[in-house]
Amino acid sequence: MTVEDTRWSVVINDEEQYSIWAAGRDVPVGWRIVRVDGVDVEGSREDCLAHIERVWTDMRPKSLRDRLARRAEAEARQSAARPSTS
């Protein structure tokens, strides 16, 4: 079977990073198959990569995005708590 003949699955990890994995093979520890409306996302390599391109719009790991969001929220609270200088 060639790469072109292989069915692929879209997989995601806890950091919300995407990849593809040969369908039917055991998914590596820490990864899970992406499901949309209860159906595994799988198909040709090109179809799977196109799905990833559509949905993975922020390449930063989830832990970094969360940390930056918490920092921005804390800074906004501090800014709102400061007395106005006008």
PDB file of N, CA and C in Angstrom:
ATOM      1  N   MET A   1       0.854  -1.185   0.000  1.00  0.00           N
ATOM      2  CA  MET A   1       0.000   0.000   0.000  1.00  0.00           C
ATOM      3  C   MET A   1       0.895   1.241   0.000  1.00  0.00           C
ATOM      4  N   THR A   2       0.600   2.174  -0.876  1.00  0.00           N
ATOM      5  CA  THR A   2       1.382   3.408  -0.958  1.00  0.00           C
ATOM      6  C   THR A   2       0.759   4.473  -0.067  1.00  0.00           C
ATOM      7  N   VAL A   3       1.508   5.549   0.137  1.00  0.00           N
ATOM      8  CA  VAL A   3       0.994   6.669   0.933  1.00  0.00           C
ATOM      9  C   VAL A   3      -0.296   7.190   0.315  1.00  0.00           C
ATOM     10  N   GLU A   4      -0.365   7.211  -1.015  1.00  0.00           N
ATOM     11  CA  GLU A   4      -1.558   7.719  -1.696  1.00  0.00           C
ATOM     12  C   GLU A   4      -2.775   6.837  -1.437  1.00  0.00           C
ATOM     13  N   ASP A   5      -2.560   5.534  -1.225  1.00  0.00           N
ATOM     14  CA  ASP A   5      -3.663   4.596  -0.988  1.00  0.00           C
ATOM     15  C   ASP A   5      -4.100   4.543   0.472  1.00  0.00           C
ATOM     16  N   THR A   6      -3.279   5.037   1.368  1.00  0.00           N
ATOM     17  CA  THR A   6      -3.551   4.932   2.799  1.00  0.00           C
ATOM     18  C   THR A   6      -4.687   5.854   3.206  1.00  0.00           C
ATOM     19  N   ARG A   7      -5.589   5.345   4.052  1.00  0.00           N
ATOM     20  CA  ARG A   7      -6.599   6.203   4.692  1.00  0.00           C
ATOM     21  C   ARG A   7      -5.964   6.747   5.948  1.00  0.00           C
ATOM     22  N   TRP A   8      -6.203   8.014   6.209  1.00  0.00           N
ATOM     23  CA  TRP A   8      -5.601   8.698   7.342  1.00  0.00           C
ATOM     24  C   TRP A   8      -6.677   9.186   8.293  1.00  0.00           C
ATOM     25  N   SER A   9      -6.310   9.330   9.548  1.00  0.00           N
ATOM     26  CA  SER A   9      -7.178   9.928  10.568  1.00  0.00           C
ATOM     27  C   SER A   9      -6.525  11.207  11.054  1.00  0.00           C
ATOM     28  N   VAL A  10      -7.349  12.198  11.369  1.00  0.00           N
ATOM     29  CA  VAL A  10      -6.844  13.415  12.005  1.00  0.00           C
ATOM     30  C   VAL A  10      -6.811  13.140  13.502  1.00  0.00           C
ATOM     31  N   VAL A  11      -5.673  13.444  14.128  1.00  0.00           N
ATOM     32  CA  VAL A  11      -5.521  13.232  15.570  1.00  0.00           C
ATOM     33  C   VAL A  11      -5.143  14.549  16.235  1.00  0.00           C
ATOM     34  N   ILE A  12      -5.423  14.630  17.537  1.00  0.00           N
ATOM     35  CA  ILE A  12      -5.149  15.837  18.315  1.00  0.00           C
ATOM     36  C   ILE A  12      -4.630  15.405  19.681  1.00  0.00           C
ATOM     37  N   ASN A  13      -3.772  16.250  20.280  1.00  0.00           N
ATOM     38  CA  ASN A  13      -3.289  15.941  21.628  1.00  0.00           C
ATOM     39  C   ASN A  13      -3.869  16.939  22.625  1.00  0.00           C
ATOM     40  N   ASP A  14      -3.479  16.807  23.888  1.00  0.00           N
ATOM     41  CA  ASP A  14      -4.030  17.672  24.937  1.00  0.00           C
ATOM     42  C   ASP A  14      -3.626  19.132  24.777  1.00  0.00           C
ATOM     43  N   GLU A  15      -2.578  19.397  24.019  1.00  0.00           N
ATOM     44  CA  GLU A  15      -2.152  20.773  23.750  1.00  0.00           C
ATOM     45  C   GLU A  15      -2.861  21.345  22.522  1.00  0.00           C
ATOM     46  N   GLU A  16      -3.831  20.576  21.990  1.00  0.00           N
ATOM     47  CA  GLU A  16      -4.611  20.955  20.803  1.00  0.00           C
ATOM     48  C   GLU A  16      -3.723  21.154  19.579  1.00  0.00           C
ATOM     49  N   GLN A  17      -2.720  20.283  19.466  1.00  0.00           N
ATOM     50  CA  GLN A  17      -1.867  20.229  18.287  1.00  0.00           C
ATOM     51  C   GLN A  17      -2.376  19.076  17.425  1.00  0.00           C
ATOM     52  N   TYR A  18      -2.418  19.279  16.125  1.00  0.00           N
ATOM     53  CA  TYR A  18      -2.988  18.304  15.205  1.00  0.00           C
ATOM     54  C   TYR A  18      -1.905  17.570  14.434  1.00  0.00           C
ATOM     55  N   SER A  19      -2.267  16.379  13.970  1.00  0.00           N
ATOM     56  CA  SER A  19      -1.413  15.592  13.095  1.00  0.00           C
ATOM     57  C   SER A  19      -2.310  14.603  12.359  1.00  0.00           C
ATOM     58  N   ILE A  20      -1.702  13.793  11.502  1.00  0.00           N
ATOM     59  CA  ILE A  20      -2.445  12.713  10.861  1.00  0.00           C
ATOM     60  C   ILE A  20      -1.780  11.396  11.235  1.00  0.00           C
ATOM     61  N   TRP A  21      -2.587  10.350  11.216  1.00  0.00           N
ATOM     62  CA  TRP A  21      -2.113   9.030  11.594  1.00  0.00           C
ATOM     63  C   TRP A  21      -2.829   8.023  10.713  1.00  0.00           C
ATOM     64  N   ALA A  22      -2.131   6.977  10.307  1.00  0.00           N
ATOM     65  CA  ALA A  22      -2.745   5.972   9.440  1.00  0.00           C
ATOM     66  C   ALA A  22      -3.982   5.384  10.122  1.00  0.00           C
ATOM     67  N   ALA A  23      -5.107   5.432   9.437  1.00  0.00           N
ATOM     68  CA  ALA A  23      -6.367   4.916   9.990  1.00  0.00           C
ATOM     69  C   ALA A  23      -6.222   3.425  10.273  1.00  0.00           C
ATOM     70  N   GLY A  24      -6.805   3.007  11.384  1.00  0.00           N
ATOM     71  CA  GLY A  24      -6.759   1.600  11.740  1.00  0.00           C
ATOM     72  C   GLY A  24      -5.571   1.218  12.608  1.00  0.00           C
ATOM     73  N   ARG A  25      -4.577   2.070  12.674  1.00  0.00           N
ATOM     74  CA  ARG A  25      -3.431   1.804  13.554  1.00  0.00           C
ATOM     75  C   ARG A  25      -3.732   2.370  14.929  1.00  0.00           C
ATOM     76  N   ASP A  26      -3.125   1.773  15.949  1.00  0.00           N
ATOM     77  CA  ASP A  26      -3.282   2.297  17.304  1.00  0.00           C
ATOM     78  C   ASP A  26      -2.729   3.715  17.361  1.00  0.00           C
ATOM     79  N   VAL A  27      -3.507   4.612  17.936  1.00  0.00           N
ATOM     80  CA  VAL A  27      -3.094   6.013  18.069  1.00  0.00           C
ATOM     81  C   VAL A  27      -2.091   6.096  19.218  1.00  0.00           C
ATOM     82  N   PRO A  28      -1.004   6.855  19.047  1.00  0.00           N
ATOM     83  CA  PRO A  28      -0.001   6.959  20.110  1.00  0.00           C
ATOM     84  C   PRO A  28      -0.593   7.524  21.401  1.00  0.00           C
ATOM     85  N   VAL A  29       0.014   7.149  22.503  1.00  0.00           N
ATOM     86  CA  VAL A  29      -0.393   7.658  23.813  1.00  0.00           C
ATOM     87  C   VAL A  29      -0.337   9.183  23.789  1.00  0.00           C
ATOM     88  N   GLY A  30      -1.362   9.816  24.343  1.00  0.00           N
ATOM     89  CA  GLY A  30      -1.420  11.272  24.394  1.00  0.00           C
ATOM     90  C   GLY A  30      -2.154  11.897  23.217  1.00  0.00           C
ATOM     91  N   TRP A  31      -2.547  11.086  22.263  1.00  0.00           N
ATOM     92  CA  TRP A  31      -3.281  11.560  21.086  1.00  0.00           C
ATOM     93  C   TRP A  31      -4.632  10.864  21.043  1.00  0.00           C
ATOM     94  N   ARG A  32      -5.590  11.495  20.373  1.00  0.00           N
ATOM     95  CA  ARG A  32      -6.906  10.886  20.170  1.00  0.00           C
ATOM     96  C   ARG A  32      -7.407  11.286  18.779  1.00  0.00           C
ATOM     97  N   ILE A  33      -8.277  10.465  18.242  1.00  0.00           N
ATOM     98  CA  ILE A  33      -8.834  10.737  16.914  1.00  0.00           C
ATOM     99  C   ILE A  33      -9.851  11.864  17.028  1.00  0.00           C
ATOM    100  N   VAL A  34      -9.784  12.806  16.098  1.00  0.00           N
ATOM    101  CA  VAL A  34     -10.728  13.926  16.055  1.00  0.00           C
ATOM    102  C   VAL A  34     -12.061  13.406  15.527  1.00  0.00           C
ATOM    103  N   ARG A  35     -13.131  13.809  16.190  1.00  0.00           N
ATOM    104  CA  ARG A  35     -14.485  13.448  15.769  1.00  0.00           C
ATOM    105  C   ARG A  35     -15.280  14.729  15.549  1.00  0.00           C
ATOM    106  N   VAL A  36     -16.042  14.762  14.470  1.00  0.00           N
ATOM    107  CA  VAL A  36     -16.937  15.879  14.176  1.00  0.00           C
ATOM    108  C   VAL A  36     -18.331  15.288  14.005  1.00  0.00           C
ATOM    109  N   ASP A  37     -19.265  15.796  14.785  1.00  0.00           N
ATOM    110  CA  ASP A  37     -20.639  15.279  14.763  1.00  0.00           C
ATOM    111  C   ASP A  37     -20.667  13.762  14.955  1.00  0.00           C
ATOM    112  N   GLY A  38     -19.801  13.264  15.844  1.00  0.00           N
ATOM    113  CA  GLY A  38     -19.781  11.846  16.175  1.00  0.00           C
ATOM    114  C   GLY A  38     -19.090  10.951  15.170  1.00  0.00           C
ATOM    115  N   VAL A  39     -18.460  11.534  14.155  1.00  0.00           N
ATOM    116  CA  VAL A  39     -17.813  10.747  13.103  1.00  0.00           C
ATOM    117  C   VAL A  39     -16.316  11.049  13.103  1.00  0.00           C
ATOM    118  N   ASP A  40     -15.493   9.984  13.040  1.00  0.00           N
ATOM    119  CA  ASP A  40     -14.045  10.178  12.947  1.00  0.00           C
ATOM    120  C   ASP A  40     -13.711  10.975  11.692  1.00  0.00           C
ATOM    121  N   VAL A  41     -12.779  11.915  11.823  1.00  0.00           N
ATOM    122  CA  VAL A  41     -12.315  12.672  10.665  1.00  0.00           C
ATOM    123  C   VAL A  41     -11.207  11.853  10.021  1.00  0.00           C
ATOM    124  N   GLU A  42     -11.495  11.293   8.854  1.00  0.00           N
ATOM    125  CA  GLU A  42     -10.498  10.502   8.142  1.00  0.00           C
ATOM    126  C   GLU A  42     -10.748  10.591   6.651  1.00  0.00           C
ATOM    127  N   GLY A  43      -9.745  10.203   5.896  1.00  0.00           N
ATOM    128  CA  GLY A  43      -9.839  10.237   4.446  1.00  0.00           C
ATOM    129  C   GLY A  43      -8.457  10.183   3.845  1.00  0.00           C
ATOM    130  N   SER A  44      -8.323  10.780   2.680  1.00  0.00           N
ATOM    131  CA  SER A  44      -7.009  10.824   2.039  1.00  0.00           C
ATOM    132  C   SER A  44      -6.093  11.749   2.837  1.00  0.00           C
ATOM    133  N   ARG A  45      -4.820  11.636   2.580  1.00  0.00           N
ATOM    134  CA  ARG A  45      -3.848  12.507   3.253  1.00  0.00           C
ATOM    135  C   ARG A  45      -4.195  13.966   2.995  1.00  0.00           C
ATOM    136  N   GLU A  46      -4.506  14.282   1.746  1.00  0.00           N
ATOM    137  CA  GLU A  46      -4.829  15.658   1.372  1.00  0.00           C
ATOM    138  C   GLU A  46      -6.086  16.152   2.079  1.00  0.00           C
ATOM    139  N   ASP A  47      -7.112  15.304   2.161  1.00  0.00           N
ATOM    140  CA  ASP A  47      -8.352  15.690   2.855  1.00  0.00           C
ATOM    141  C   ASP A  47      -8.086  15.973   4.330  1.00  0.00           C
ATOM    142  N   CYS A  48      -7.300  15.111   4.965  1.00  0.00           N
ATOM    143  CA  CYS A  48      -7.004  15.294   6.391  1.00  0.00           C
ATOM    144  C   CYS A  48      -6.181  16.555   6.620  1.00  0.00           C
ATOM    145  N   LEU A  49      -5.190  16.790   5.773  1.00  0.00           N
ATOM    146  CA  LEU A  49      -4.379  18.001   5.924  1.00  0.00           C
ATOM    147  C   LEU A  49      -5.213  19.256   5.664  1.00  0.00           C
ATOM    148  N   ALA A  50      -6.163  19.181   4.730  1.00  0.00           N
ATOM    149  CA  ALA A  50      -7.048  20.325   4.475  1.00  0.00           C
ATOM    150  C   ALA A  50      -7.920  20.603   5.699  1.00  0.00           C
ATOM    151  N   HIS A  51      -8.410  19.557   6.358  1.00  0.00           N
ATOM    152  CA  HIS A  51      -9.208  19.741   7.580  1.00  0.00           C
ATOM    153  C   HIS A  51      -8.363  20.432   8.648  1.00  0.00           C
ATOM    154  N   ILE A  52      -7.148  19.957   8.832  1.00  0.00           N
ATOM    155  CA  ILE A  52      -6.263  20.556   9.839  1.00  0.00           C
ATOM    156  C   ILE A  52      -6.007  22.021   9.514  1.00  0.00           C
ATOM    157  N   GLU A  53      -5.774  22.329   8.253  1.00  0.00           N
ATOM    158  CA  GLU A  53      -5.523  23.717   7.863  1.00  0.00           C
ATOM    159  C   GLU A  53      -6.727  24.606   8.185  1.00  0.00           C
ATOM    160  N   ARG A  54      -7.944  24.078   8.034  1.00  0.00           N
ATOM    161  CA  ARG A  54      -9.154  24.857   8.333  1.00  0.00           C
ATOM    162  C   ARG A  54      -9.328  25.106   9.827  1.00  0.00           C
ATOM    163  N   VAL A  55      -9.031  24.097  10.655  1.00  0.00           N
ATOM    164  CA  VAL A  55      -9.379  24.207  12.074  1.00  0.00           C
ATOM    165  C   VAL A  55      -8.235  24.632  12.988  1.00  0.00           C
ATOM    166  N   TRP A  56      -6.993  24.423  12.571  1.00  0.00           N
ATOM    167  CA  TRP A  56      -5.855  24.734  13.451  1.00  0.00           C
ATOM    168  C   TRP A  56      -5.346  26.120  13.096  1.00  0.00           C
ATOM    169  N   THR A  57      -5.997  27.114  13.659  1.00  0.00           N
ATOM    170  CA  THR A  57      -5.705  28.501  13.283  1.00  0.00           C
ATOM    171  C   THR A  57      -4.689  29.167  14.196  1.00  0.00           C
ATOM    172  N   ASP A  58      -4.397  28.570  15.337  1.00  0.00           N
ATOM    173  CA  ASP A  58      -3.416  29.129  16.270  1.00  0.00           C
ATOM    174  C   ASP A  58      -2.455  28.011  16.648  1.00  0.00           C
ATOM    175  N   MET A  59      -1.234  28.090  16.146  1.00  0.00           N
ATOM    176  CA  MET A  59      -0.266  27.010  16.325  1.00  0.00           C
ATOM    177  C   MET A  59       0.323  26.935  17.732  1.00  0.00           C
ATOM    178  N   ARG A  60       0.058  27.939  18.550  1.00  0.00           N
ATOM    179  CA  ARG A  60       0.632  27.913  19.900  1.00  0.00           C
ATOM    180  C   ARG A  60      -0.014  26.799  20.720  1.00  0.00           C
ATOM    181  N   PRO A  61       0.776  26.107  21.553  1.00  0.00           N
ATOM    182  CA  PRO A  61       0.191  25.072  22.409  1.00  0.00           C
ATOM    183  C   PRO A  61      -0.880  25.666  23.323  1.00  0.00           C
ATOM    184  N   LYS A  62      -1.876  24.860  23.666  1.00  0.00           N
ATOM    185  CA  LYS A  62      -2.988  25.310  24.511  1.00  0.00           C
ATOM    186  C   LYS A  62      -2.497  25.872  25.838  1.00  0.00           C
ATOM    187  N   SER A  63      -1.501  25.246  26.439  1.00  0.00           N
ATOM    188  CA  SER A  63      -1.011  25.727  27.737  1.00  0.00           C
ATOM    189  C   SER A  63      -0.455  27.142  27.618  1.00  0.00           C
ATOM    190  N   LEU A  64       0.203  27.460  26.515  1.00  0.00           N
ATOM    191  CA  LEU A  64       0.718  28.815  26.311  1.00  0.00           C
ATOM    192  C   LEU A  64      -0.431  29.790  26.083  1.00  0.00           C
ATOM    193  N   ARG A  65      -1.400  29.424  25.246  1.00  0.00           N
ATOM    194  CA  ARG A  65      -2.554  30.301  25.009  1.00  0.00           C
ATOM    195  C   ARG A  65      -3.285  30.590  26.311  1.00  0.00           C
ATOM    196  N   ASP A  66      -3.483  29.551  27.125  1.00  0.00           N
ATOM    197  CA  ASP A  66      -4.176  29.733  28.409  1.00  0.00           C
ATOM    198  C   ASP A  66      -3.387  30.653  29.338  1.00  0.00           C
ATOM    199  N   ARG A  67      -2.077  30.457  29.408  1.00  0.00           N
ATOM    200  CA  ARG A  67      -1.239  31.284  30.281  1.00  0.00           C
ATOM    201  C   ARG A  67      -1.279  32.743  29.845  1.00  0.00           C
ATOM    202  N   LEU A  68      -1.192  32.989  28.543  1.00  0.00           N
ATOM    203  CA  LEU A  68      -1.240  34.364  28.037  1.00  0.00           C
ATOM    204  C   LEU A  68      -2.605  34.998  28.287  1.00  0.00           C
ATOM    205  N   ALA A  69      -3.672  34.220  28.167  1.00  0.00           N
ATOM    206  CA  ALA A  69      -5.023  34.746  28.430  1.00  0.00           C
ATOM    207  C   ALA A  69      -5.174  35.114  29.901  1.00  0.00           C
ATOM    208  N   ARG A  70      -4.663  34.271  30.797  1.00  0.00           N
ATOM    209  CA  ARG A  70      -4.733  34.588  32.232  1.00  0.00           C
ATOM    210  C   ARG A  70      -3.940  35.850  32.546  1.00  0.00           C
ATOM    211  N   ARG A  71      -2.779  35.995  31.934  1.00  0.00           N
ATOM    212  CA  ARG A  71      -1.961  37.186  32.154  1.00  0.00           C
ATOM    213  C   ARG A  71      -2.694  38.433  31.671  1.00  0.00           C
ATOM    214  N   ALA A  72      -3.312  38.359  30.489  1.00  0.00           N
ATOM    215  CA  ALA A  72      -4.044  39.506  29.948  1.00  0.00           C
ATOM    216  C   ALA A  72      -5.226  39.868  30.847  1.00  0.00           C
ATOM    217  N   GLU A  73      -5.929  38.858  31.368  1.00  0.00           N
ATOM    218  CA  GLU A  73      -7.052  39.122  32.281  1.00  0.00           C
ATOM    219  C   GLU A  73      -6.569  39.793  33.560  1.00  0.00           C
ATOM    220  N   ALA A  74      -5.455  39.328  34.105  1.00  0.00           N
ATOM    221  CA  ALA A  74      -4.911  39.918  35.336  1.00  0.00           C
ATOM    222  C   ALA A  74      -4.494  41.362  35.095  1.00  0.00           C
ATOM    223  N   GLU A  75      -3.859  41.620  33.956  1.00  0.00           N
ATOM    224  CA  GLU A  75      -3.448  42.989  33.633  1.00  0.00           C
ATOM    225  C   GLU A  75      -4.663  43.887  33.448  1.00  0.00           C
ATOM    226  N   ALA A  76      -5.721  43.375  32.846  1.00  0.00           N
ATOM    227  CA  ALA A  76      -6.942  44.168  32.655  1.00  0.00           C
ATOM    228  C   ALA A  76      -7.580  44.498  34.001  1.00  0.00           C
ATOM    229  N   ARG A  77      -7.599  43.528  34.915  1.00  0.00           N
ATOM    230  CA  ARG A  77      -8.155  43.786  36.254  1.00  0.00           C
ATOM    231  C   ARG A  77      -7.323  44.839  36.990  1.00  0.00           C
ATOM    232  N   GLN A  78      -6.004  44.738  36.893  1.00  0.00           N
ATOM    233  CA  GLN A  78      -5.133  45.716  37.551  1.00  0.00           C
ATOM    234  C   GLN A  78      -5.347  47.100  36.964  1.00  0.00           C
ATOM    235  N   SER A  79      -5.471  47.167  35.655  1.00  0.00           N
ATOM    236  CA  SER A  79      -5.676  48.449  34.986  1.00  0.00           C
ATOM    237  C   SER A  79      -7.013  49.066  35.400  1.00  0.00           C
ATOM    238  N   ALA A  80      -8.049  48.250  35.503  1.00  0.00           N
ATOM    239  CA  ALA A  80      -9.373  48.748  35.889  1.00  0.00           C
ATOM    240  C   ALA A  80      -9.389  49.202  37.346  1.00  0.00           C
ATOM    241  N   ALA A  81      -8.541  48.618  38.173  1.00  0.00           N
ATOM    242  CA  ALA A  81      -8.515  48.959  39.599  1.00  0.00           C
ATOM    243  C   ALA A  81      -7.720  50.233  39.882  1.00  0.00           C
ATOM    244  N   ARG A  82      -6.893  50.654  38.924  1.00  0.00           N
ATOM    245  CA  ARG A  82      -6.093  51.868  39.133  1.00  0.00           C
ATOM    246  C   ARG A  82      -6.979  53.102  39.044  1.00  0.00           C
ATOM    247  N   PRO A  83      -6.736  54.076  39.917  1.00  0.00           N
ATOM    248  CA  PRO A  83      -7.506  55.323  39.826  1.00  0.00           C
ATOM    249  C   PRO A  83      -7.147  56.075  38.546  1.00  0.00           C
ATOM    250  N   SER A  84      -8.128  56.730  38.001  1.00  0.00           N
ATOM    251  CA  SER A  84      -7.923  57.516  36.787  1.00  0.00           C
ATOM    252  C   SER A  84      -7.083  58.742  37.113  1.00  0.00           C
ATOM    253  N   THR A  85      -6.185  59.113  36.204  1.00  0.00           N
ATOM    254  CA  THR A  85      -5.320  60.286  36.419  1.00  0.00           C
ATOM    255  C   THR A  85      -5.864  61.507  35.701  1.00  0.00           C
ATOM    256  N   SER A  86      -7.073  61.436  35.167  1.00  0.00           N
ATOM    257  CA  SER A  86      -7.633  62.581  34.441  1.00  0.00           C
ATOM    258  C   SER A  86      -8.304  63.544  35.359  1.00  0.00           C
TER     259      SER A  86
END
